[in-house]
Amino acid sequence: MKQKTLFIIAFASLVLAFVFGALIYTAEKNQESSQRAEANPSSLVRMHSPTLGPAGAPVVIVEFLDPACGTCRTFYPAVKEMLADNPDQIRLVLRYAPFHQGSDQVVALMEAARRQGQFWPVLETLLANQNQWVQNHTAQIARVWPLVEGLGLDRDKLQADMASPEVAAVVAQDLEDAQTLNVTKTPEFFVNGKPLPSFGYQQLKDLVDNALSEARSR
């Protein structure tokens, strides 16, 4: 019995140490991300970044997104709802973060579609049908083509742009900015330059609500 009690105490101590260590790590990472964002404001928004909402909105949500990321798919409708609930108050800026294997090709397709004015329909189609083209956390570009065929895209131009140095430079810039801002997973959010204190929908909503309250009190 005594040995069992000692084992339980030791196990509990290990769990507490792990939790405490995780909290410290999260706090340190958050502080580092915040400092990097403050020191490198141009890394948050680029001229090429797809946006929703008015340019003069007082609250700007920057999201680093991988279209093959299941959590990105889950968060997207919630973020769109925030914009719908606060018209003229929030602008969403999307940045490419193709961390999943094969996702770089899908992101190149999205950027090529942006050049035809079809970024948002392509993104929403990809997210809605993610289970059809993502297998074992790997993006499969061949399964994407049938999904976007009905969106009125010029496929020849799309393929040419996907392979262009210009599109490659855009994706490379976003990845470089992700590294600068200490973004290591998706989705990663910044609200008016501030990273989430910890990951979660409520944390994002609280950060957005606080930014909206500050904007309305000015």
C-alpha atoms as a PDB file:
ATOM      1  CA  MET A   1       0.000   0.000   0.000  1.00  0.00           C
ATOM      2  CA  LYS A   2       2.821   2.379   0.918  1.00  0.00           C
ATOM      3  CA  GLN A   3       4.596   1.660  -2.371  1.00  0.00           C
ATOM      4  CA  LYS A   4       1.361   2.319  -4.273  1.00  0.00           C
ATOM      5  CA  THR A   5       0.886   5.634  -2.465  1.00  0.00           C
ATOM      6  CA  LEU A   6       4.441   6.683  -3.289  1.00  0.00           C
ATOM      7  CA  PHE A   7       3.846   5.758  -6.912  1.00  0.00           C
ATOM      8  CA  ILE A   8       0.672   7.879  -7.036  1.00  0.00           C
ATOM      9  CA  ILE A   9       2.463  10.833  -5.450  1.00  0.00           C
ATOM     10  CA  ALA A  10       5.360  10.517  -7.890  1.00  0.00           C
ATOM     11  CA  PHE A  11       3.007  10.264 -10.836  1.00  0.00           C
ATOM     12  CA  ALA A  12       1.017  13.300  -9.684  1.00  0.00           C
ATOM     13  CA  SER A  13       4.242  15.245  -9.265  1.00  0.00           C
ATOM     14  CA  LEU A  14       5.265  14.393 -12.812  1.00  0.00           C
ATOM     15  CA  VAL A  15       1.871  15.483 -14.158  1.00  0.00           C
ATOM     16  CA  LEU A  16       2.068  18.782 -12.267  1.00  0.00           C
ATOM     17  CA  ALA A  17       5.613  19.344 -13.497  1.00  0.00           C
ATOM     18  CA  PHE A  18       4.500  18.690 -17.059  1.00  0.00           C
ATOM     19  CA  VAL A  19       1.521  21.054 -16.774  1.00  0.00           C
ATOM     20  CA  PHE A  20       3.625  23.745 -15.138  1.00  0.00           C
ATOM     21  CA  GLY A  21       6.314  23.349 -17.788  1.00  0.00           C
ATOM     22  CA  ALA A  22       3.732  23.562 -20.569  1.00  0.00           C
ATOM     23  CA  LEU A  23       2.277  26.749 -19.083  1.00  0.00           C
ATOM     24  CA  ILE A  24       5.714  28.331 -18.852  1.00  0.00           C
ATOM     25  CA  TYR A  25       6.516  27.291 -22.420  1.00  0.00           C
ATOM     26  CA  THR A  26       3.218  28.743 -23.698  1.00  0.00           C
ATOM     27  CA  ALA A  27       3.778  32.007 -21.853  1.00  0.00           C
ATOM     28  CA  GLU A  28       7.337  32.324 -23.138  1.00  0.00           C
ATOM     29  CA  LYS A  29       6.305  31.506 -26.713  1.00  0.00           C
ATOM     30  CA  ASN A  30       3.463  34.013 -26.532  1.00  0.00           C
ATOM     31  CA  GLN A  31       5.774  36.722 -25.220  1.00  0.00           C
ATOM     32  CA  GLU A  32       8.318  35.983 -27.948  1.00  0.00           C
ATOM     33  CA  SER A  33       5.641  36.062 -30.670  1.00  0.00           C
ATOM     34  CA  SER A  34       4.300  39.355 -29.314  1.00  0.00           C
ATOM     35  CA  GLN A  35       7.770  40.905 -29.262  1.00  0.00           C
ATOM     36  CA  ARG A  36       8.503  39.702 -32.772  1.00  0.00           C
ATOM     37  CA  ALA A  37       5.199  41.074 -34.099  1.00  0.00           C
ATOM     38  CA  GLU A  38       5.873  44.438 -32.471  1.00  0.00           C
ATOM     39  CA  ALA A  39       9.399  44.548 -33.890  1.00  0.00           C
ATOM     40  CA  ASN A  40       8.357  43.353 -37.369  1.00  0.00           C
ATOM     41  CA  PRO A  41       4.916  44.871 -38.160  1.00  0.00           C
ATOM     42  CA  SER A  42       5.426  44.454 -41.917  1.00  0.00           C
ATOM     43  CA  SER A  43       5.615  40.683 -41.390  1.00  0.00           C
ATOM     44  CA  LEU A  44       1.946  40.590 -40.398  1.00  0.00           C
ATOM     45  CA  VAL A  45       0.352  42.008 -43.556  1.00  0.00           C
ATOM     46  CA  ARG A  46       1.764  42.085 -47.084  1.00  0.00           C
ATOM     47  CA  MET A  47       0.370  43.792 -50.179  1.00  0.00           C
ATOM     48  CA  HIS A  48      -0.451  40.391 -51.695  1.00  0.00           C
ATOM     49  CA  SER A  49      -2.343  39.093 -48.653  1.00  0.00           C
ATOM     50  CA  PRO A  50      -5.986  38.129 -49.346  1.00  0.00           C
ATOM     51  CA  THR A  51      -8.341  40.157 -47.154  1.00  0.00           C
ATOM     52  CA  LEU A  52     -12.017  40.341 -46.168  1.00  0.00           C
ATOM     53  CA  GLY A  53     -13.536  43.432 -44.630  1.00  0.00           C
ATOM     54  CA  PRO A  54     -12.853  47.152 -45.014  1.00  0.00           C
ATOM     55  CA  ALA A  55      -9.282  48.399 -45.218  1.00  0.00           C
ATOM     56  CA  GLY A  56      -9.963  50.913 -42.463  1.00  0.00           C
ATOM     57  CA  ALA A  57     -11.426  48.461 -39.967  1.00  0.00           C
ATOM     58  CA  PRO A  58     -10.164  49.132 -36.413  1.00  0.00           C
ATOM     59  CA  VAL A  59      -9.670  45.410 -35.704  1.00  0.00           C
ATOM     60  CA  VAL A  60      -7.418  43.310 -37.930  1.00  0.00           C
ATOM     61  CA  ILE A  61      -7.259  39.540 -37.563  1.00  0.00           C
ATOM     62  CA  VAL A  62      -4.216  38.015 -39.240  1.00  0.00           C
ATOM     63  CA  GLU A  63      -4.469  34.266 -39.685  1.00  0.00           C
ATOM     64  CA  PHE A  64      -1.660  31.989 -40.828  1.00  0.00           C
ATOM     65  CA  LEU A  65      -3.540  29.160 -42.526  1.00  0.00           C
ATOM     66  CA  ASP A  66      -2.825  25.785 -44.097  1.00  0.00           C
ATOM     67  CA  PRO A  67      -5.757  24.604 -46.262  1.00  0.00           C
ATOM     68  CA  ALA A  68      -4.914  20.995 -45.333  1.00  0.00           C
ATOM     69  CA  CYS A  69      -5.228  21.760 -41.612  1.00  0.00           C
ATOM     70  CA  GLY A  70      -8.355  20.318 -40.006  1.00  0.00           C
ATOM     71  CA  THR A  71      -8.363  22.914 -37.235  1.00  0.00           C
ATOM     72  CA  CYS A  72      -8.187  25.699 -39.837  1.00  0.00           C
ATOM     73  CA  ARG A  73     -11.298  24.226 -41.434  1.00  0.00           C
ATOM     74  CA  THR A  74     -13.058  24.216 -38.064  1.00  0.00           C
ATOM     75  CA  PHE A  75     -12.119  27.802 -37.201  1.00  0.00           C
ATOM     76  CA  TYR A  76     -12.912  29.351 -40.584  1.00  0.00           C
ATOM     77  CA  PRO A  77     -16.740  29.541 -40.182  1.00  0.00           C
ATOM     78  CA  ALA A  78     -16.335  30.952 -36.670  1.00  0.00           C
ATOM     79  CA  VAL A  79     -14.014  33.691 -37.906  1.00  0.00           C
ATOM     80  CA  LYS A  80     -16.414  34.508 -40.765  1.00  0.00           C
ATOM     81  CA  GLU A  81     -19.208  34.778 -38.179  1.00  0.00           C
ATOM     82  CA  MET A  82     -17.166  37.321 -36.214  1.00  0.00           C
ATOM     83  CA  LEU A  83     -16.881  39.423 -39.359  1.00  0.00           C
ATOM     84  CA  ALA A  84     -20.612  39.104 -40.078  1.00  0.00           C
ATOM     85  CA  ASP A  85     -21.497  40.112 -36.493  1.00  0.00           C
ATOM     86  CA  ASN A  86     -19.250  43.182 -36.680  1.00  0.00           C
ATOM     87  CA  PRO A  87     -19.607  44.679 -40.166  1.00  0.00           C
ATOM     88  CA  ASP A  88     -17.146  47.489 -40.930  1.00  0.00           C
ATOM     89  CA  GLN A  89     -15.267  46.729 -37.701  1.00  0.00           C
ATOM     90  CA  ILE A  90     -13.108  43.716 -38.549  1.00  0.00           C
ATOM     91  CA  ARG A  91     -10.761  42.913 -41.397  1.00  0.00           C
ATOM     92  CA  LEU A  92      -9.455  39.377 -41.911  1.00  0.00           C
ATOM     93  CA  VAL A  93      -6.017  38.931 -43.484  1.00  0.00           C
ATOM     94  CA  LEU A  94      -4.945  35.448 -44.548  1.00  0.00           C
ATOM     95  CA  ARG A  95      -1.337  34.323 -44.818  1.00  0.00           C
ATOM     96  CA  TYR A  96      -0.096  31.069 -46.330  1.00  0.00           C
ATOM     97  CA  ALA A  97       1.515  28.528 -43.994  1.00  0.00           C
ATOM     98  CA  PRO A  98       1.702  25.231 -45.933  1.00  0.00           C
ATOM     99  CA  PHE A  99       3.139  23.057 -43.167  1.00  0.00           C
ATOM    100  CA  HIS A 100       1.420  19.813 -44.224  1.00  0.00           C
ATOM    101  CA  GLN A 101       3.129  17.628 -46.802  1.00  0.00           C
ATOM    102  CA  GLY A 102       1.956  18.507 -50.304  1.00  0.00           C
ATOM    103  CA  SER A 103       0.128  21.608 -49.124  1.00  0.00           C
ATOM    104  CA  ASP A 104       2.588  23.917 -50.888  1.00  0.00           C
ATOM    105  CA  GLN A 105       1.075  22.913 -54.243  1.00  0.00           C
ATOM    106  CA  VAL A 106      -2.448  23.595 -52.992  1.00  0.00           C
ATOM    107  CA  VAL A 107      -1.400  26.989 -51.666  1.00  0.00           C
ATOM    108  CA  ALA A 108       0.178  27.768 -55.044  1.00  0.00           C
ATOM    109  CA  LEU A 109      -3.178  26.925 -56.629  1.00  0.00           C
ATOM    110  CA  MET A 110      -4.946  29.253 -54.191  1.00  0.00           C
ATOM    111  CA  GLU A 111      -2.569  32.094 -54.996  1.00  0.00           C
ATOM    112  CA  ALA A 112      -2.964  31.448 -58.713  1.00  0.00           C
ATOM    113  CA  ALA A 113      -6.754  31.526 -58.239  1.00  0.00           C
ATOM    114  CA  ARG A 114      -6.418  34.849 -56.407  1.00  0.00           C
ATOM    115  CA  ARG A 115      -4.957  36.272 -59.607  1.00  0.00           C
ATOM    116  CA  GLN A 116      -8.212  35.329 -61.317  1.00  0.00           C
ATOM    117  CA  GLY A 117     -10.327  36.877 -58.555  1.00  0.00           C
ATOM    118  CA  GLN A 118     -11.388  33.485 -57.234  1.00  0.00           C
ATOM    119  CA  PHE A 119      -9.386  33.094 -54.048  1.00  0.00           C
ATOM    120  CA  TRP A 120     -12.293  32.945 -51.586  1.00  0.00           C
ATOM    121  CA  PRO A 121     -14.480  30.517 -53.600  1.00  0.00           C
ATOM    122  CA  VAL A 122     -11.468  28.222 -54.000  1.00  0.00           C
ATOM    123  CA  LEU A 123     -10.540  28.404 -50.312  1.00  0.00           C
ATOM    124  CA  GLU A 124     -14.076  27.702 -49.150  1.00  0.00           C
ATOM    125  CA  THR A 125     -14.447  24.816 -51.603  1.00  0.00           C
ATOM    126  CA  LEU A 126     -11.186  23.300 -50.386  1.00  0.00           C
ATOM    127  CA  LEU A 127     -12.124  23.601 -46.727  1.00  0.00           C
ATOM    128  CA  ALA A 128     -15.653  22.266 -47.245  1.00  0.00           C
ATOM    129  CA  ASN A 129     -14.284  19.213 -49.074  1.00  0.00           C
ATOM    130  CA  GLN A 130     -11.042  18.789 -47.179  1.00  0.00           C
ATOM    131  CA  ASN A 131     -11.637  15.106 -46.460  1.00  0.00           C
ATOM    132  CA  GLN A 132     -11.635  14.405 -50.208  1.00  0.00           C
ATOM    133  CA  TRP A 133      -8.121  15.685 -50.918  1.00  0.00           C
ATOM    134  CA  VAL A 134      -6.283  15.308 -47.596  1.00  0.00           C
ATOM    135  CA  GLN A 135      -5.285  11.740 -46.755  1.00  0.00           C
ATOM    136  CA  ASN A 136      -3.219  10.881 -43.662  1.00  0.00           C
ATOM    137  CA  HIS A 137      -2.413  14.574 -43.154  1.00  0.00           C
ATOM    138  CA  THR A 138      -1.015  14.773 -46.694  1.00  0.00           C
ATOM    139  CA  ALA A 139      -2.471  17.074 -49.366  1.00  0.00           C
ATOM    140  CA  GLN A 140      -3.034  15.453 -52.751  1.00  0.00           C
ATOM    141  CA  ILE A 141      -3.238  18.066 -55.494  1.00  0.00           C
ATOM    142  CA  ALA A 142      -4.631  15.586 -58.053  1.00  0.00           C
ATOM    143  CA  ARG A 143      -7.792  15.306 -55.935  1.00  0.00           C
ATOM    144  CA  VAL A 144      -8.201  19.077 -55.821  1.00  0.00           C
ATOM    145  CA  TRP A 145      -8.714  19.631 -59.547  1.00  0.00           C
ATOM    146  CA  PRO A 146     -12.187  18.030 -59.790  1.00  0.00           C
ATOM    147  CA  LEU A 147     -13.340  20.159 -56.847  1.00  0.00           C
ATOM    148  CA  VAL A 148     -12.439  23.517 -58.432  1.00  0.00           C
ATOM    149  CA  GLU A 149     -13.490  22.758 -62.006  1.00  0.00           C
ATOM    150  CA  GLY A 150     -16.898  24.379 -61.611  1.00  0.00           C
ATOM    151  CA  LEU A 151     -15.587  27.705 -60.301  1.00  0.00           C
ATOM    152  CA  GLY A 152     -14.968  29.306 -63.696  1.00  0.00           C
ATOM    153  CA  LEU A 153     -11.180  29.193 -63.526  1.00  0.00           C
ATOM    154  CA  ASP A 154      -8.942  29.298 -66.580  1.00  0.00           C
ATOM    155  CA  ARG A 155      -7.085  26.046 -65.916  1.00  0.00           C
ATOM    156  CA  ASP A 156      -4.231  26.714 -68.360  1.00  0.00           C
ATOM    157  CA  LYS A 157      -3.523  30.089 -66.766  1.00  0.00           C
ATOM    158  CA  LEU A 158      -3.978  28.591 -63.318  1.00  0.00           C
ATOM    159  CA  GLN A 159      -1.336  25.918 -63.961  1.00  0.00           C
ATOM    160  CA  ALA A 160       1.032  28.437 -65.533  1.00  0.00           C
ATOM    161  CA  ASP A 161       0.720  30.785 -62.565  1.00  0.00           C
ATOM    162  CA  MET A 162       1.156  27.938 -60.089  1.00  0.00           C
ATOM    163  CA  ALA A 163       4.579  27.238 -61.597  1.00  0.00           C
ATOM    164  CA  SER A 164       5.570  30.924 -61.878  1.00  0.00           C
ATOM    165  CA  PRO A 165       8.385  32.554 -59.878  1.00  0.00           C
ATOM    166  CA  GLU A 166       5.950  35.254 -58.777  1.00  0.00           C
ATOM    167  CA  VAL A 167       3.650  32.796 -57.003  1.00  0.00           C
ATOM    168  CA  ALA A 168       6.626  30.959 -55.522  1.00  0.00           C
ATOM    169  CA  ALA A 169       7.923  34.281 -54.167  1.00  0.00           C
ATOM    170  CA  VAL A 170       4.590  35.050 -52.485  1.00  0.00           C
ATOM    171  CA  VAL A 171       4.489  31.677 -50.731  1.00  0.00           C
ATOM    172  CA  ALA A 172       8.151  31.972 -49.741  1.00  0.00           C
ATOM    173  CA  GLN A 173       7.510  35.441 -48.284  1.00  0.00           C
ATOM    174  CA  ASP A 174       4.627  34.174 -46.175  1.00  0.00           C
ATOM    175  CA  LEU A 175       6.726  31.293 -44.871  1.00  0.00           C
ATOM    176  CA  GLU A 176       9.553  33.685 -44.075  1.00  0.00           C
ATOM    177  CA  ASP A 177       7.139  35.946 -42.197  1.00  0.00           C
ATOM    178  CA  ALA A 178       5.759  32.939 -40.337  1.00  0.00           C
ATOM    179  CA  GLN A 179       9.263  32.092 -39.191  1.00  0.00           C
ATOM    180  CA  THR A 180       9.935  35.718 -38.217  1.00  0.00           C
ATOM    181  CA  LEU A 181       6.767  35.778 -36.106  1.00  0.00           C
ATOM    182  CA  ASN A 182       7.501  32.404 -34.486  1.00  0.00           C
ATOM    183  CA  VAL A 183       4.509  30.725 -36.167  1.00  0.00           C
ATOM    184  CA  THR A 184       5.001  26.962 -35.914  1.00  0.00           C
ATOM    185  CA  LYS A 185       1.454  25.614 -36.291  1.00  0.00           C
ATOM    186  CA  THR A 186      -1.848  26.475 -37.918  1.00  0.00           C
ATOM    187  CA  PRO A 187      -4.105  28.220 -37.491  1.00  0.00           C
ATOM    188  CA  GLU A 188      -2.102  30.963 -35.794  1.00  0.00           C
ATOM    189  CA  PHE A 189      -3.863  34.266 -35.090  1.00  0.00           C
ATOM    190  CA  PHE A 190      -2.777  37.815 -34.372  1.00  0.00           C
ATOM    191  CA  VAL A 191      -5.377  40.448 -33.422  1.00  0.00           C
ATOM    192  CA  ASN A 192      -4.124  43.992 -33.935  1.00  0.00           C
ATOM    193  CA  GLY A 193      -0.638  42.538 -33.703  1.00  0.00           C
ATOM    194  CA  LYS A 194      -1.260  40.542 -30.523  1.00  0.00           C
ATOM    195  CA  PRO A 195      -0.955  36.723 -30.579  1.00  0.00           C
ATOM    196  CA  LEU A 196      -3.393  34.503 -28.717  1.00  0.00           C
ATOM    197  CA  PRO A 197      -2.427  34.087 -25.040  1.00  0.00           C
ATOM    198  CA  SER A 198      -3.157  30.372 -25.563  1.00  0.00           C
ATOM    199  CA  PHE A 199      -4.808  28.470 -28.367  1.00  0.00           C
ATOM    200  CA  GLY A 200      -8.583  28.188 -28.514  1.00  0.00           C
ATOM    201  CA  TYR A 201     -11.722  29.733 -29.980  1.00  0.00           C
ATOM    202  CA  GLN A 202     -12.695  31.496 -26.757  1.00  0.00           C
ATOM    203  CA  GLN A 203      -9.223  33.001 -26.489  1.00  0.00           C
ATOM    204  CA  LEU A 204      -9.560  34.341 -30.034  1.00  0.00           C
ATOM    205  CA  LYS A 205     -13.039  35.705 -29.375  1.00  0.00           C
ATOM    206  CA  ASP A 206     -11.907  37.383 -26.157  1.00  0.00           C
ATOM    207  CA  LEU A 207      -8.973  39.022 -27.933  1.00  0.00           C
ATOM    208  CA  VAL A 208     -11.259  40.264 -30.726  1.00  0.00           C
ATOM    209  CA  ASP A 209     -13.910  41.487 -28.265  1.00  0.00           C
ATOM    210  CA  ASN A 210     -11.275  43.386 -26.286  1.00  0.00           C
ATOM    211  CA  ALA A 211      -9.958  45.005 -29.468  1.00  0.00           C
ATOM    212  CA  LEU A 212     -13.506  45.980 -30.487  1.00  0.00           C
ATOM    213  CA  SER A 213     -14.161  47.491 -27.050  1.00  0.00           C
ATOM    214  CA  GLU A 214     -10.934  49.492 -27.206  1.00  0.00           C
ATOM    215  CA  ALA A 215     -11.834  50.742 -30.693  1.00  0.00           C
ATOM    216  CA  ARG A 216     -15.322  51.844 -29.594  1.00  0.00           C
ATOM    217  CA  SER A 217     -14.004  53.672 -26.531  1.00  0.00           C
ATOM    218  CA  ARG A 218     -11.726  55.941 -28.551  1.00  0.00           C
END
